[in-house]
Amino acid sequence: MSDNVAYFTPASDVILDAAALPMLPQLVRFCRQSVNVVRAALVLAAGYNLVGLSFAVQGTLSPLVAAILMPVSSINVILFTTVLVKWYGKKSPLPASPQGGGENADCGIRISE
């Protein structure tokens, strides 16, 4: 963290101005919720793959159908995480960053996407 935004790391996900320091607990809560979304997506993917594996082991799933279902699994996980993180973002009291089209440019928090 730095008070001067000129000293930020380009690879950082969040830049927090000193004036926005009181918002740190809300930011940490949002980050923890995001980690929970990633964990839930991993559970969803593992469940999807276990169901597919059980059909494949039984011989009831053709290779063509399996080849079609694998990208569908990836798309489902991406959609799940996108929708859930956006829902948490709307539920969170953090103001949106100006880069993301937010209306409050003086919030002091910049979240990279």
Protein backbone atom coordinates (compact mmCIF):
# COMPACT_ATOMS: atom_id res chain seq x y z
CA MET A 1 0.00 0.00 0.00
CA SER A 2 1.19 3.44 -0.82
CA ASP A 3 -0.30 6.90 -0.58
CA ASN A 4 1.23 7.80 -3.94
CA VAL A 5 -0.45 5.95 -6.79
CA ALA A 6 2.65 6.39 -8.91
CA TYR A 7 4.33 3.63 -6.86
CA PHE A 8 1.77 0.88 -7.45
CA THR A 9 2.64 -2.52 -8.83
CA PRO A 10 1.10 -3.08 -12.28
CA ALA A 11 0.33 -6.69 -11.32
CA SER A 12 -1.65 -5.69 -8.25
CA ASP A 13 -5.37 -6.38 -8.20
CA VAL A 14 -6.32 -3.53 -5.88
CA ILE A 15 -4.90 -0.06 -5.30
CA LEU A 16 -6.06 1.48 -2.04
CA ASP A 17 -5.55 5.19 -1.41
CA ALA A 18 -4.78 6.25 2.15
CA ALA A 19 -8.10 8.13 2.32
CA ALA A 20 -9.96 4.87 1.66
CA LEU A 21 -8.26 2.94 4.46
CA PRO A 22 -11.47 2.79 6.54
CA MET A 23 -12.99 0.72 3.71
CA LEU A 24 -10.35 -2.01 4.13
CA PRO A 25 -12.64 -4.38 6.11
CA GLN A 26 -15.26 -4.28 3.34
CA LEU A 27 -12.57 -4.92 0.74
CA VAL A 28 -11.21 -7.89 2.70
CA ARG A 29 -14.76 -9.28 3.08
CA PHE A 30 -15.31 -9.00 -0.69
CA CYS A 31 -11.99 -10.77 -1.33
CA ARG A 32 -12.94 -13.60 1.03
CA GLN A 33 -16.30 -13.94 -0.71
CA SER A 34 -14.47 -14.13 -4.03
CA VAL A 35 -12.26 -16.93 -2.70
CA ASN A 36 -15.41 -18.78 -1.60
CA VAL A 37 -16.78 -18.41 -5.14
CA VAL A 38 -13.61 -20.00 -6.53
CA ARG A 39 -13.91 -22.87 -4.06
CA ALA A 40 -17.57 -23.39 -4.98
CA ALA A 41 -16.62 -23.42 -8.68
CA LEU A 42 -14.02 -26.09 -7.98
CA VAL A 43 -16.63 -28.20 -6.17
CA LEU A 44 -19.04 -27.70 -9.08
CA ALA A 45 -16.40 -28.78 -11.59
CA ALA A 46 -15.39 -31.80 -9.52
CA GLY A 47 -19.02 -32.88 -9.18
CA TYR A 48 -19.62 -32.45 -12.89
CA ASN A 49 -16.52 -34.50 -13.69
CA LEU A 50 -17.43 -37.24 -11.19
CA VAL A 51 -20.87 -37.61 -12.77
CA GLY A 52 -19.31 -37.72 -16.23
CA LEU A 53 -16.70 -40.22 -15.06
CA SER A 54 -19.35 -42.52 -13.63
CA PHE A 55 -21.18 -42.54 -16.98
CA ALA A 56 -17.92 -43.11 -18.85
CA VAL A 57 -16.89 -46.03 -16.61
CA GLN A 58 -20.28 -47.67 -17.15
CA GLY A 59 -19.82 -47.32 -20.90
CA THR A 60 -22.99 -45.29 -21.38
CA LEU A 61 -21.21 -42.12 -22.49
CA SER A 62 -19.89 -42.05 -26.03
CA PRO A 63 -16.58 -40.29 -26.72
CA LEU A 64 -18.35 -37.80 -28.99
CA VAL A 65 -20.78 -36.77 -26.24
CA ALA A 66 -17.89 -36.57 -23.74
CA ALA A 67 -15.96 -34.33 -26.15
CA ILE A 68 -18.97 -32.03 -26.41
CA LEU A 69 -19.66 -31.97 -22.65
CA MET A 70 -16.13 -31.04 -21.55
CA PRO A 71 -16.21 -27.48 -23.00
CA VAL A 72 -19.75 -27.13 -21.67
CA SER A 73 -18.35 -27.87 -18.19
CA SER A 74 -15.80 -25.07 -18.58
CA ILE A 75 -18.44 -22.65 -19.80
CA ASN A 76 -20.69 -23.54 -16.85
CA VAL A 77 -17.90 -22.87 -14.35
CA ILE A 78 -17.04 -19.54 -16.00
CA LEU A 79 -20.69 -18.45 -16.03
CA PHE A 80 -21.15 -19.57 -12.41
CA THR A 81 -18.15 -17.58 -11.17
CA THR A 82 -18.98 -14.51 -13.25
CA VAL A 83 -22.59 -14.34 -12.06
CA LEU A 84 -21.75 -15.02 -8.42
CA VAL A 85 -18.88 -12.50 -8.23
CA LYS A 86 -21.04 -9.82 -9.88
CA TRP A 87 -23.81 -10.62 -7.38
CA TYR A 88 -21.37 -10.28 -4.47
CA GLY A 89 -20.10 -7.05 -6.04
CA LYS A 90 -23.60 -5.57 -6.12
CA LYS A 91 -24.25 -6.77 -2.58
CA SER A 92 -20.95 -5.31 -1.31
CA PRO A 93 -20.90 -1.76 0.07
CA LEU A 94 -17.77 -0.92 -1.93
CA PRO A 95 -18.31 1.77 -4.56
CA ALA A 96 -17.46 0.76 -8.09
CA SER A 97 -14.17 1.92 -9.55
CA PRO A 98 -14.19 4.55 -12.32
CA GLN A 99 -12.52 2.08 -14.68
CA GLY A 100 -15.45 -0.27 -14.23
CA GLY A 101 -18.00 2.42 -15.07
CA GLY A 102 -18.75 3.39 -11.48
CA GLU A 103 -20.26 6.70 -10.54
CA ASN A 104 -18.02 7.51 -7.53
CA ALA A 105 -14.59 8.57 -8.78
CA ASP A 106 -13.35 9.68 -5.36
CA CYS A 107 -13.74 6.37 -3.54
CA GLY A 108 -9.96 5.75 -3.38
CA ILE A 109 -10.21 2.10 -4.42
CA ARG A 110 -9.28 0.90 -7.89
CA ILE A 111 -10.04 -2.74 -8.65
CA SER A 112 -8.49 -4.16 -11.79
CA GLU A 113 -10.55 -6.59 -13.85
